[in-house]
Amino acid sequence: MENENGMPIPEKEQQIAQQMPQYQPPVQPQYQQPIQPQYQPPVQPQYQQYAQQYPQQPQYPQYAQQYPQQPQYPQQPQYPQYAPQPQQPKKKVAAWKIIVPIVAGVLVLAILAGVYFLFLRAKPAESIALNETELYMSTGNVHSLCYAVTPPDADGFTCSWTSSDPTVATVDNGDITAVGAGECIITLTTDNGLSATCTVTVEEPFVLENMQITGYWEFDGAYVDDEYIDVDEADITMNVYTDGTGAVNFEDGDCNEFTWAYSYAEDGMTYYDVLMDDGTACEFQYYSDPEGEYYGDLTLYVDYENMIFFTN
């Protein structure tokens, strides 16, 4: 025999061992794990209606303690399946219900646009002109110019007046003042680029050298538009003053004043160029030749078709 280490056991020891009773370890009782009572969760009152429909699931003892029973939740209520509502057939709209509002809106817009363009919108001036393009003045005199635009109802523009030589004549809103002898151009300009001009000639005040034409003169006949008017058909008088001014008085009360410009003598007559207060340039012809047929008479010569004869 061999021991547990593989060494032979002496025979004497073998005999002793055979004589001794063999040790038998006591048998331990097998441990029996107590069976846990099945977990029964209390049924909540609100879940009573589902208790029979959903019976309690079996419980497994080996997992009862490790995984306690979770409470059972009621099943969500079943909602009825969505069914789309049948669509109502669309009603057809009459064409006139669409066309009439559109046409009415277009007409209203056209009327408003017409009112704006005819009455509200500023009408630009297309052209501008002065009432005189040439003017003769004596120093110290004042004369006013006027202008006209096309179309007549144009608006929305501004005008400015300028003088090419303020030492000859100045201008203020159309009022021209003669300053000194010479010639200048008065220009009217609009803000949209239109312009008109007037040439102004200024002479020094005339001093009468021939005193025979001063005084009071009476009408002695006239040609008006190349037709002769007798002395009995009109009542016209004239006064000539020594300061170089005068006035022609008409029977209807009108009075046309004038200013002397300059004079010169030729062929037995003395010519006096004058400027009327309306800006018209005229000429007096005085028959200064004592041997002449019309000596002492005076003619106001406007043009070839208009002249007035005076006598004193």
Protein backbone atom coordinates (compact mmCIF):
# COMPACT_ATOMS: atom_id res chain seq x y z
CA MET A 1 0.00 0.00 0.00
CA GLU A 2 1.05 3.50 -0.62
CA ASN A 3 0.26 6.65 1.18
CA GLU A 4 -1.05 9.75 -0.30
CA ASN A 5 2.45 10.80 -1.30
CA GLY A 6 3.06 7.54 -3.22
CA MET A 7 5.41 6.08 -0.59
CA PRO A 8 4.94 2.46 0.49
CA ILE A 9 3.28 2.09 3.87
CA PRO A 10 5.06 -0.21 6.31
CA GLU A 11 3.28 -3.46 6.86
CA LYS A 12 2.90 -2.78 10.58
CA GLU A 13 1.13 0.42 9.93
CA GLN A 14 -1.05 -1.32 7.45
CA GLN A 15 -2.15 -3.78 10.11
CA ILE A 16 -2.93 -1.08 12.61
CA ALA A 17 -4.90 0.79 10.04
CA GLN A 18 -6.94 -2.28 9.19
CA GLN A 19 -7.75 -2.87 12.83
CA MET A 20 -9.00 0.65 13.44
CA PRO A 21 -12.56 1.56 12.32
CA GLN A 22 -12.70 3.75 9.27
CA TYR A 23 -13.76 7.35 9.95
CA GLN A 24 -17.04 8.21 8.43
CA PRO A 25 -17.82 11.99 8.27
CA PRO A 26 -21.31 12.88 9.37
CA VAL A 27 -23.74 13.47 6.58
CA GLN A 28 -24.85 17.09 6.51
CA PRO A 29 -28.55 17.64 5.81
CA GLN A 30 -29.15 19.12 2.37
CA TYR A 31 -30.18 22.74 2.54
CA GLN A 32 -33.64 23.33 1.19
CA GLN A 33 -34.35 26.93 0.17
CA PRO A 34 -37.73 27.95 1.39
CA ILE A 35 -40.17 28.62 -1.36
CA GLN A 36 -41.25 32.25 -1.38
CA PRO A 37 -44.94 32.83 -1.57
CA GLN A 38 -46.10 33.96 -5.00
CA TYR A 39 -46.27 37.71 -5.22
CA GLN A 40 -49.79 38.89 -5.85
CA PRO A 41 -49.97 42.65 -6.47
CA PRO A 42 -53.12 44.20 -5.21
CA VAL A 43 -55.62 44.92 -7.94
CA GLN A 44 -56.36 48.63 -8.02
CA PRO A 45 -60.02 49.57 -8.10
CA GLN A 46 -59.65 51.51 -11.33
CA TYR A 47 -58.24 48.44 -13.02
CA GLN A 48 -61.07 46.09 -12.08
CA GLN A 49 -62.59 46.33 -15.50
CA TYR A 50 -59.42 44.91 -17.01
CA ALA A 51 -58.79 42.17 -14.41
CA GLN A 52 -60.73 39.44 -16.21
CA GLN A 53 -59.67 40.56 -19.67
CA TYR A 54 -56.01 40.42 -18.74
CA PRO A 55 -55.38 37.53 -16.22
CA GLN A 56 -52.36 37.66 -13.97
CA GLN A 57 -49.21 36.36 -15.62
CA PRO A 58 -47.46 33.44 -13.83
CA GLN A 59 -44.74 34.41 -11.46
CA TYR A 60 -41.37 32.73 -11.33
CA PRO A 61 -40.10 32.17 -7.73
CA GLN A 62 -36.44 32.23 -8.59
CA TYR A 63 -36.76 35.76 -9.91
CA ALA A 64 -39.40 37.04 -7.54
CA GLN A 65 -36.98 38.70 -5.16
CA GLN A 66 -34.52 39.87 -7.77
CA TYR A 67 -37.17 41.26 -10.09
CA PRO A 68 -40.21 42.33 -8.14
CA GLN A 69 -43.46 42.31 -10.03
CA GLN A 70 -44.07 45.52 -11.95
CA PRO A 71 -47.50 47.05 -11.69
CA GLN A 72 -49.79 46.32 -14.62
CA TYR A 73 -50.96 49.38 -16.51
CA PRO A 74 -54.27 49.47 -18.24
CA GLN A 75 -54.28 49.18 -21.98
CA GLN A 76 -54.74 52.43 -23.85
CA PRO A 77 -58.24 52.87 -25.15
CA GLN A 78 -58.70 52.05 -28.80
CA TYR A 79 -59.69 55.05 -30.87
CA PRO A 80 -61.78 54.59 -33.95
CA GLN A 81 -59.78 54.52 -37.17
CA TYR A 82 -59.65 57.87 -38.99
CA ALA A 83 -61.91 57.99 -41.95
CA PRO A 84 -61.61 61.10 -44.20
CA GLN A 85 -64.78 63.03 -44.72
CA PRO A 86 -66.06 62.97 -48.24
CA GLN A 87 -65.26 66.27 -50.02
CA GLN A 88 -68.11 68.43 -51.07
CA PRO A 89 -68.15 69.16 -54.77
CA LYS A 90 -66.85 72.68 -55.53
CA LYS A 91 -69.40 75.15 -56.71
CA LYS A 92 -68.61 76.80 -60.00
CA VAL A 93 -68.33 80.61 -59.81
CA ALA A 94 -69.99 82.52 -62.59
CA ALA A 95 -67.46 84.21 -64.89
CA TRP A 96 -69.11 87.60 -64.59
CA LYS A 97 -68.53 87.59 -60.84
CA ILE A 98 -64.79 87.52 -61.54
CA ILE A 99 -64.67 89.76 -64.60
CA VAL A 100 -66.87 92.59 -63.29
CA PRO A 101 -64.69 93.45 -60.23
CA ILE A 102 -61.55 93.35 -62.39
CA VAL A 103 -63.04 95.64 -65.02
CA ALA A 104 -64.37 98.01 -62.32
CA GLY A 105 -60.92 98.18 -60.69
CA VAL A 106 -59.25 98.94 -64.02
CA LEU A 107 -61.77 101.71 -64.73
CA VAL A 108 -61.23 103.28 -61.31
CA LEU A 109 -57.45 103.24 -61.79
CA ALA A 110 -57.83 104.79 -65.25
CA ILE A 111 -60.05 107.56 -63.88
CA LEU A 112 -57.63 108.31 -61.04
CA ALA A 113 -54.70 108.38 -63.47
CA GLY A 114 -56.62 110.75 -65.76
CA VAL A 115 -57.46 113.09 -62.89
CA TYR A 116 -53.82 113.12 -61.82
CA PHE A 117 -52.41 113.83 -65.29
CA LEU A 118 -55.07 116.44 -66.12
CA PHE A 119 -55.38 118.33 -62.85
CA LEU A 120 -52.80 117.32 -60.26
CA ARG A 121 -49.57 116.67 -62.14
CA ALA A 122 -47.38 119.70 -62.76
CA LYS A 123 -47.38 120.59 -66.45
CA PRO A 124 -43.89 121.54 -67.64
CA ALA A 125 -43.41 124.62 -69.79
CA GLU A 126 -42.47 123.84 -73.39
CA SER A 127 -41.45 127.35 -74.47
CA ILE A 128 -41.22 130.86 -73.08
CA ALA A 129 -41.26 134.29 -74.76
CA LEU A 130 -41.00 137.93 -73.67
CA ASN A 131 -43.50 140.58 -74.73
CA GLU A 132 -40.59 142.63 -76.17
CA THR A 133 -37.33 141.61 -77.78
CA GLU A 134 -35.90 145.15 -78.20
CA LEU A 135 -36.17 148.04 -75.81
CA TYR A 136 -34.89 151.64 -75.91
CA MET A 137 -34.57 153.49 -72.63
CA SER A 138 -33.07 156.65 -71.16
CA THR A 139 -30.96 156.52 -68.05
CA GLY A 140 -33.06 156.51 -64.91
CA ASN A 141 -36.15 155.07 -66.61
CA VAL A 142 -37.82 151.88 -65.42
CA HIS A 143 -39.68 149.47 -67.68
CA SER A 144 -41.36 146.14 -66.95
CA LEU A 145 -41.14 143.06 -69.14
CA CYS A 146 -43.72 140.27 -69.15
CA TYR A 147 -43.39 136.69 -70.32
CA ALA A 148 -45.74 134.03 -71.66
CA VAL A 149 -45.28 130.26 -71.55
CA THR A 150 -46.59 127.44 -73.70
CA PRO A 151 -48.83 125.74 -72.77
CA PRO A 152 -50.58 128.62 -70.95
CA ASP A 153 -51.49 126.43 -67.96
CA ALA A 154 -47.92 125.19 -67.44
CA ASP A 155 -46.73 125.29 -63.85
CA GLY A 156 -44.14 123.79 -61.58
CA PHE A 157 -41.26 125.94 -62.81
CA THR A 158 -39.31 128.94 -61.55
CA CYS A 159 -37.77 131.86 -63.46
CA SER A 160 -34.65 133.94 -62.97
CA TRP A 161 -33.71 137.25 -64.60
CA THR A 162 -30.16 138.32 -65.46
CA SER A 163 -28.47 141.27 -67.18
CA SER A 164 -25.40 140.86 -69.34
CA ASP A 165 -24.14 144.29 -68.21
CA PRO A 166 -25.49 145.72 -64.93
CA THR A 167 -23.69 149.02 -65.65
CA VAL A 168 -26.11 149.56 -68.52
CA ALA A 169 -29.32 148.12 -67.08
CA THR A 170 -30.35 146.01 -64.13
CA VAL A 171 -33.37 143.74 -63.83
CA ASP A 172 -35.40 142.65 -60.82
CA ASN A 173 -38.25 140.21 -61.44
CA GLY A 174 -38.82 141.71 -64.89
CA ASP A 175 -38.46 145.38 -63.88
CA ILE A 176 -35.60 146.91 -65.93
CA THR A 177 -33.83 150.03 -64.68
CA ALA A 178 -31.65 151.97 -67.14
CA VAL A 179 -28.32 152.77 -65.43
CA GLY A 180 -25.96 154.13 -68.09
CA ALA A 181 -25.56 154.52 -71.83
CA GLY A 182 -24.86 151.32 -73.71
CA GLU A 183 -26.43 148.06 -74.73
CA CYS A 184 -27.07 144.88 -72.79
CA ILE A 185 -29.16 141.73 -73.00
CA ILE A 186 -31.79 140.87 -70.42
CA THR A 187 -32.28 137.09 -70.17
CA LEU A 188 -35.14 135.17 -68.60
CA THR A 189 -34.26 131.55 -67.76
CA THR A 190 -36.43 128.77 -66.33
CA ASP A 191 -35.21 125.94 -64.15
CA ASN A 192 -35.96 123.42 -66.93
CA GLY A 193 -33.61 125.12 -69.41
CA LEU A 194 -35.91 127.46 -71.36
CA SER A 195 -34.82 131.05 -72.01
CA ALA A 196 -35.85 134.28 -73.74
CA THR A 197 -33.92 137.51 -74.29
CA CYS A 198 -34.51 141.21 -74.82
CA THR A 199 -31.91 143.63 -76.13
CA VAL A 200 -31.92 146.90 -74.17
CA THR A 201 -30.37 150.10 -75.57
CA VAL A 202 -29.87 152.92 -73.07
CA GLU A 203 -29.17 156.55 -74.06
CA GLU A 204 -28.37 159.51 -71.90
CA PRO A 205 -31.36 161.82 -71.20
CA PHE A 206 -32.13 164.05 -74.17
CA VAL A 207 -31.84 167.81 -73.75
CA LEU A 208 -33.93 169.79 -76.22
CA GLU A 209 -31.89 172.22 -78.27
CA ASN A 210 -34.72 173.39 -80.50
CA MET A 211 -37.23 174.95 -78.15
CA GLN A 212 -39.73 175.40 -80.96
CA ILE A 213 -41.29 171.93 -80.42
CA THR A 214 -41.96 172.41 -76.73
CA GLY A 215 -45.42 173.32 -75.61
CA TYR A 216 -48.97 172.35 -76.49
CA TRP A 217 -49.84 170.66 -79.81
CA GLU A 218 -53.23 169.93 -81.33
CA PHE A 219 -54.33 167.13 -83.61
CA ASP A 220 -54.17 167.98 -87.34
CA GLY A 221 -54.98 164.59 -88.88
CA ALA A 222 -53.65 161.04 -88.87
CA TYR A 223 -53.14 157.88 -90.79
CA VAL A 224 -54.28 154.78 -88.86
CA ASP A 225 -53.71 151.45 -90.60
CA ASP A 226 -53.08 153.45 -93.78
CA GLU A 227 -56.49 155.17 -93.59
CA TYR A 228 -56.66 158.93 -93.17
CA ILE A 229 -58.55 160.37 -90.16
CA ASP A 230 -59.68 163.98 -90.40
CA VAL A 231 -59.20 166.49 -87.63
CA ASP A 232 -62.94 166.50 -86.90
CA GLU A 233 -63.02 162.75 -86.25
CA ALA A 234 -60.61 162.64 -83.31
CA ASP A 235 -59.59 164.70 -80.32
CA ILE A 236 -55.87 164.21 -79.71
CA THR A 237 -53.47 166.64 -78.06
CA MET A 238 -49.84 166.52 -77.04
CA ASN A 239 -47.63 168.26 -74.54
CA VAL A 240 -43.86 168.46 -74.99
CA TYR A 241 -41.77 169.51 -72.01
CA THR A 242 -38.29 171.01 -71.88
CA ASP A 243 -36.96 168.19 -69.68
CA GLY A 244 -37.13 165.78 -72.60
CA THR A 245 -40.48 164.16 -71.78
CA GLY A 246 -43.98 164.50 -73.12
CA ALA A 247 -47.41 162.93 -73.33
CA VAL A 248 -49.96 162.20 -76.05
CA ASN A 249 -53.54 162.51 -74.78
CA PHE A 250 -56.37 160.68 -76.53
CA GLU A 251 -60.07 161.45 -76.49
CA ASP A 252 -60.93 158.26 -74.57
CA GLY A 253 -58.77 159.41 -71.65
CA ASP A 254 -55.72 157.33 -72.47
CA CYS A 255 -52.35 159.01 -72.09
CA ASN A 256 -49.20 157.70 -73.70
CA GLU A 257 -46.13 159.26 -72.14
CA PHE A 258 -42.78 159.32 -73.88
CA THR A 259 -39.13 160.12 -73.25
CA TRP A 260 -36.68 161.72 -75.69
CA ALA A 261 -33.79 159.60 -76.83
CA TYR A 262 -31.71 161.50 -79.36
CA SER A 263 -32.15 163.80 -82.37
CA TYR A 264 -30.54 164.65 -85.66
CA ALA A 265 -31.24 167.14 -88.50
CA GLU A 266 -31.55 166.28 -92.17
CA ASP A 267 -33.11 167.88 -95.31
CA GLY A 268 -34.84 170.72 -93.51
CA MET A 269 -36.30 168.52 -90.77
CA THR A 270 -35.23 167.61 -87.27
CA TYR A 271 -35.86 164.04 -86.18
CA TYR A 272 -36.47 163.22 -82.53
CA ASP A 273 -36.39 159.55 -81.57
CA VAL A 274 -38.55 158.88 -78.52
CA LEU A 275 -39.53 155.92 -76.39
CA MET A 276 -43.17 155.53 -75.41
CA ASP A 277 -44.07 154.29 -71.95
CA ASP A 278 -45.32 151.00 -73.45
CA GLY A 279 -41.80 150.36 -74.80
CA THR A 280 -42.62 151.35 -78.38
CA ALA A 281 -39.90 153.28 -80.19
CA CYS A 282 -41.32 156.19 -82.27
CA GLU A 283 -40.00 159.22 -84.06
CA PHE A 284 -41.05 162.87 -84.21
CA GLN A 285 -40.45 164.74 -87.47
CA TYR A 286 -40.32 168.51 -87.02
CA TYR A 287 -40.37 170.69 -90.14
CA SER A 288 -37.66 173.12 -89.16
CA ASP A 289 -37.04 174.78 -92.60
CA PRO A 290 -38.64 178.24 -92.53
CA GLU A 291 -38.98 178.07 -96.29
CA GLY A 292 -40.76 174.72 -96.25
CA GLU A 293 -44.48 174.19 -96.87
CA TYR A 294 -45.07 172.53 -93.51
CA TYR A 295 -42.78 174.69 -91.43
CA GLY A 296 -43.67 174.49 -87.76
CA ASP A 297 -45.70 171.28 -88.04
CA LEU A 298 -44.88 168.12 -86.11
CA THR A 299 -45.54 164.51 -87.11
CA LEU A 300 -45.49 161.54 -84.72
CA TYR A 301 -44.28 158.79 -86.99
CA VAL A 302 -45.06 155.26 -85.68
CA ASP A 303 -44.57 153.28 -88.89
CA TYR A 304 -45.47 153.50 -92.55
CA GLU A 305 -49.18 152.96 -91.89
CA ASN A 306 -49.60 154.89 -88.63
CA MET A 307 -48.70 158.55 -88.09
CA ILE A 308 -50.25 161.53 -86.31
CA PHE A 309 -49.96 165.16 -87.52
CA PHE A 310 -49.85 168.00 -84.98
CA THR A 311 -49.90 171.74 -85.29
CA ASN A 312 -49.51 174.56 -82.81
